[in-house]
Amino acid sequence: MHVVLYALSTCGWCKRAKRLLDDNDVEYELIYVDHLEGEEKDAVVAEVAKWNPRRSFPTLVVDDRIGVAGFKPEQIKEALNL
């Protein structure tokens, strides 16, 4: 399973999503969008928009097929089969 968490380093909801993944021993790639610049940031924001048109954070993507926008513990657990 490939899991990507798009987050902002200062976002409390993002920290909760990260904690949920950590507490359940989920391996994931963490991308702090606010730490990116220029074309790299533009590309990542465009990727987030595919899953979450509002471009809000956190946005979780599982296996390039399931996107969860916001901190929604039940939806996140369902997407990860927890």
N, C-alpha and C. Protein backbone atom coordinates (compact mmCIF):
# COMPACT_ATOMS: atom_id res chain seq x y z
N MET A 1 0.85 -1.18 0.00
CA MET A 1 0.00 0.00 0.00
C MET A 1 0.90 1.24 0.00
N HIS A 2 0.55 2.18 -0.85
CA HIS A 2 1.30 3.44 -0.92
C HIS A 2 0.41 4.56 -0.39
N VAL A 3 0.86 5.20 0.67
CA VAL A 3 0.08 6.25 1.34
C VAL A 3 0.88 7.54 1.33
N VAL A 4 0.23 8.62 0.93
CA VAL A 4 0.86 9.94 0.93
C VAL A 4 -0.02 10.88 1.74
N LEU A 5 0.61 11.57 2.69
CA LEU A 5 -0.08 12.58 3.49
C LEU A 5 0.47 13.95 3.07
N TYR A 6 -0.40 14.74 2.46
CA TYR A 6 -0.05 16.11 2.11
C TYR A 6 -0.50 16.98 3.28
N ALA A 7 0.41 17.76 3.83
CA ALA A 7 0.12 18.50 5.06
C ALA A 7 0.84 19.84 5.06
N LEU A 8 0.45 20.64 6.04
CA LEU A 8 1.16 21.89 6.34
C LEU A 8 1.81 21.70 7.71
N SER A 9 3.03 22.16 7.85
CA SER A 9 3.78 21.92 9.09
C SER A 9 3.16 22.60 10.30
N THR A 10 2.33 23.63 10.09
CA THR A 10 1.74 24.37 11.20
C THR A 10 0.29 24.00 11.47
N CYS A 11 -0.23 23.01 10.76
CA CYS A 11 -1.65 22.65 10.81
C CYS A 11 -1.94 21.62 11.91
N GLY A 12 -2.80 21.98 12.84
CA GLY A 12 -3.17 21.07 13.92
C GLY A 12 -3.89 19.83 13.42
N TRP A 13 -4.77 19.98 12.43
CA TRP A 13 -5.48 18.82 11.88
C TRP A 13 -4.50 17.88 11.17
N CYS A 14 -3.49 18.46 10.53
CA CYS A 14 -2.47 17.65 9.86
C CYS A 14 -1.69 16.84 10.89
N LYS A 15 -1.38 17.46 12.03
CA LYS A 15 -0.66 16.75 13.09
C LYS A 15 -1.50 15.60 13.63
N ARG A 16 -2.81 15.79 13.72
CA ARG A 16 -3.69 14.71 14.18
C ARG A 16 -3.71 13.57 13.17
N ALA A 17 -3.75 13.91 11.89
CA ALA A 17 -3.74 12.87 10.86
C ALA A 17 -2.43 12.09 10.91
N LYS A 18 -1.33 12.79 11.07
CA LYS A 18 -0.02 12.15 11.18
C LYS A 18 0.02 11.23 12.39
N ARG A 19 -0.50 11.70 13.52
CA ARG A 19 -0.52 10.88 14.74
C ARG A 19 -1.37 9.63 14.54
N LEU A 20 -2.50 9.76 13.86
CA LEU A 20 -3.36 8.60 13.59
C LEU A 20 -2.61 7.56 12.78
N LEU A 21 -1.88 8.01 11.76
CA LEU A 21 -1.10 7.08 10.94
C LEU A 21 0.01 6.44 11.77
N ASP A 22 0.71 7.25 12.55
CA ASP A 22 1.80 6.73 13.39
C ASP A 22 1.28 5.74 14.42
N ASP A 23 0.17 6.07 15.07
CA ASP A 23 -0.39 5.20 16.11
C ASP A 23 -0.83 3.85 15.56
N ASN A 24 -1.13 3.81 14.25
CA ASN A 24 -1.57 2.56 13.62
C ASN A 24 -0.47 1.91 12.79
N ASP A 25 0.78 2.37 12.99
CA ASP A 25 1.95 1.81 12.31
C ASP A 25 1.79 1.77 10.79
N VAL A 26 1.22 2.81 10.23
CA VAL A 26 1.06 2.92 8.78
C VAL A 26 2.32 3.55 8.20
N GLU A 27 2.89 2.92 7.19
CA GLU A 27 4.02 3.53 6.48
C GLU A 27 3.44 4.52 5.49
N TYR A 28 4.00 5.72 5.46
CA TYR A 28 3.48 6.74 4.56
C TYR A 28 4.57 7.74 4.21
N GLU A 29 4.31 8.43 3.12
CA GLU A 29 5.18 9.52 2.69
C GLU A 29 4.53 10.81 3.16
N LEU A 30 5.27 11.64 3.86
CA LEU A 30 4.77 12.91 4.38
C LEU A 30 5.35 14.04 3.54
N ILE A 31 4.47 14.86 2.99
CA ILE A 31 4.91 16.00 2.20
C ILE A 31 4.35 17.27 2.84
N TYR A 32 5.25 18.07 3.41
CA TYR A 32 4.86 19.36 3.96
C TYR A 32 4.85 20.37 2.81
N VAL A 33 3.68 20.69 2.34
CA VAL A 33 3.55 21.55 1.17
C VAL A 33 4.12 22.94 1.42
N ASP A 34 4.01 23.41 2.67
CA ASP A 34 4.52 24.75 2.97
C ASP A 34 6.05 24.81 3.02
N HIS A 35 6.72 23.68 2.92
CA HIS A 35 8.18 23.67 2.87
C HIS A 35 8.71 23.63 1.44
N LEU A 36 7.81 23.54 0.47
CA LEU A 36 8.21 23.47 -0.93
C LEU A 36 8.21 24.87 -1.54
N GLU A 37 8.89 25.00 -2.67
CA GLU A 37 8.96 26.29 -3.36
C GLU A 37 8.84 26.10 -4.85
N GLY A 38 8.45 27.16 -5.53
CA GLY A 38 8.48 27.23 -6.98
C GLY A 38 7.71 26.14 -7.69
N GLU A 39 8.34 25.59 -8.74
CA GLU A 39 7.70 24.59 -9.58
C GLU A 39 7.35 23.32 -8.80
N GLU A 40 8.20 22.95 -7.85
CA GLU A 40 7.93 21.75 -7.05
C GLU A 40 6.63 21.93 -6.26
N LYS A 41 6.48 23.10 -5.66
CA LYS A 41 5.26 23.38 -4.90
C LYS A 41 4.05 23.41 -5.82
N ASP A 42 4.18 24.04 -6.97
CA ASP A 42 3.08 24.11 -7.93
C ASP A 42 2.64 22.72 -8.35
N ALA A 43 3.59 21.83 -8.59
CA ALA A 43 3.27 20.46 -9.01
C ALA A 43 2.55 19.70 -7.91
N VAL A 44 3.00 19.87 -6.67
CA VAL A 44 2.37 19.17 -5.54
C VAL A 44 0.97 19.72 -5.29
N VAL A 45 0.79 21.02 -5.37
CA VAL A 45 -0.54 21.61 -5.17
C VAL A 45 -1.50 21.12 -6.26
N ALA A 46 -1.01 20.98 -7.49
CA ALA A 46 -1.84 20.43 -8.57
C ALA A 46 -2.23 18.98 -8.28
N GLU A 47 -1.32 18.21 -7.71
CA GLU A 47 -1.61 16.83 -7.33
C GLU A 47 -2.67 16.79 -6.23
N VAL A 48 -2.52 17.65 -5.23
CA VAL A 48 -3.52 17.73 -4.15
C VAL A 48 -4.89 18.07 -4.74
N ALA A 49 -4.93 18.99 -5.69
CA ALA A 49 -6.20 19.44 -6.28
C ALA A 49 -6.93 18.30 -6.99
N LYS A 50 -6.19 17.31 -7.50
CA LYS A 50 -6.84 16.16 -8.14
C LYS A 50 -7.71 15.41 -7.14
N TRP A 51 -7.27 15.33 -5.90
CA TRP A 51 -7.97 14.58 -4.86
C TRP A 51 -8.86 15.47 -4.01
N ASN A 52 -8.52 16.73 -3.93
CA ASN A 52 -9.21 17.65 -3.05
C ASN A 52 -9.27 19.03 -3.74
N PRO A 53 -10.33 19.27 -4.51
CA PRO A 53 -10.41 20.53 -5.28
C PRO A 53 -10.30 21.79 -4.42
N ARG A 54 -10.64 21.69 -3.15
CA ARG A 54 -10.53 22.85 -2.26
C ARG A 54 -9.08 23.12 -1.86
N ARG A 55 -8.21 22.14 -2.10
CA ARG A 55 -6.79 22.25 -1.77
C ARG A 55 -6.58 22.53 -0.28
N SER A 56 -7.37 21.86 0.55
CA SER A 56 -7.24 22.02 2.00
C SER A 56 -6.37 20.90 2.56
N PHE A 57 -5.98 21.07 3.80
CA PHE A 57 -5.07 20.11 4.41
C PHE A 57 -5.61 19.67 5.76
N PRO A 58 -5.31 18.42 6.12
CA PRO A 58 -4.53 17.43 5.41
C PRO A 58 -5.32 16.81 4.25
N THR A 59 -4.57 16.29 3.29
CA THR A 59 -5.14 15.47 2.23
C THR A 59 -4.35 14.17 2.21
N LEU A 60 -5.06 13.06 2.31
CA LEU A 60 -4.44 11.74 2.35
C LEU A 60 -4.81 11.00 1.08
N VAL A 61 -3.82 10.40 0.43
CA VAL A 61 -4.06 9.63 -0.79
C VAL A 61 -3.52 8.22 -0.57
N VAL A 62 -4.38 7.24 -0.86
CA VAL A 62 -4.03 5.83 -0.67
C VAL A 62 -4.01 5.15 -2.04
N ASP A 63 -2.86 4.61 -2.41
CA ASP A 63 -2.71 3.84 -3.66
C ASP A 63 -3.21 4.58 -4.90
N ASP A 64 -3.07 5.88 -4.92
CA ASP A 64 -3.51 6.68 -6.07
C ASP A 64 -4.94 6.38 -6.49
N ARG A 65 -5.79 6.00 -5.51
CA ARG A 65 -7.18 5.72 -5.86
C ARG A 65 -8.18 6.24 -4.84
N ILE A 66 -7.74 6.51 -3.63
CA ILE A 66 -8.63 7.01 -2.59
C ILE A 66 -8.05 8.28 -2.00
N GLY A 67 -8.84 9.33 -1.99
CA GLY A 67 -8.40 10.57 -1.38
C GLY A 67 -9.32 10.94 -0.23
N VAL A 68 -8.74 11.35 0.89
CA VAL A 68 -9.52 11.81 2.03
C VAL A 68 -9.07 13.24 2.33
N ALA A 69 -10.02 14.17 2.21
CA ALA A 69 -9.73 15.58 2.46
C ALA A 69 -10.13 15.93 3.89
N GLY A 70 -9.20 16.48 4.64
CA GLY A 70 -9.48 16.88 6.01
C GLY A 70 -9.19 15.75 6.98
N PHE A 71 -9.27 16.07 8.26
CA PHE A 71 -9.04 15.05 9.29
C PHE A 71 -10.37 14.38 9.60
N LYS A 72 -10.57 13.25 8.96
CA LYS A 72 -11.80 12.46 9.13
C LYS A 72 -11.37 11.05 9.53
N PRO A 73 -11.19 10.82 10.83
CA PRO A 73 -10.61 9.56 11.30
C PRO A 73 -11.30 8.31 10.75
N GLU A 74 -12.62 8.30 10.71
CA GLU A 74 -13.32 7.09 10.23
C GLU A 74 -13.06 6.86 8.76
N GLN A 75 -13.07 7.91 7.96
CA GLN A 75 -12.79 7.76 6.52
C GLN A 75 -11.35 7.34 6.29
N ILE A 76 -10.44 7.88 7.08
CA ILE A 76 -9.03 7.51 6.95
C ILE A 76 -8.85 6.03 7.29
N LYS A 77 -9.45 5.60 8.39
CA LYS A 77 -9.33 4.19 8.78
C LYS A 77 -9.94 3.28 7.74
N GLU A 78 -11.08 3.67 7.18
CA GLU A 78 -11.72 2.87 6.13
C GLU A 78 -10.82 2.78 4.90
N ALA A 79 -10.24 3.89 4.49
CA ALA A 79 -9.36 3.91 3.32
C ALA A 79 -8.14 3.02 3.51
N LEU A 80 -7.71 2.90 4.78
CA LEU A 80 -6.51 2.11 5.10
C LEU A 80 -6.85 0.70 5.58
N ASN A 81 -8.13 0.36 5.60
CA ASN A 81 -8.57 -0.95 6.10
C ASN A 81 -8.10 -1.21 7.51
N LEU A 82 -8.25 -0.22 8.38
CA LEU A 82 -7.84 -0.37 9.77
C LEU A 82 -9.03 -0.79 10.62
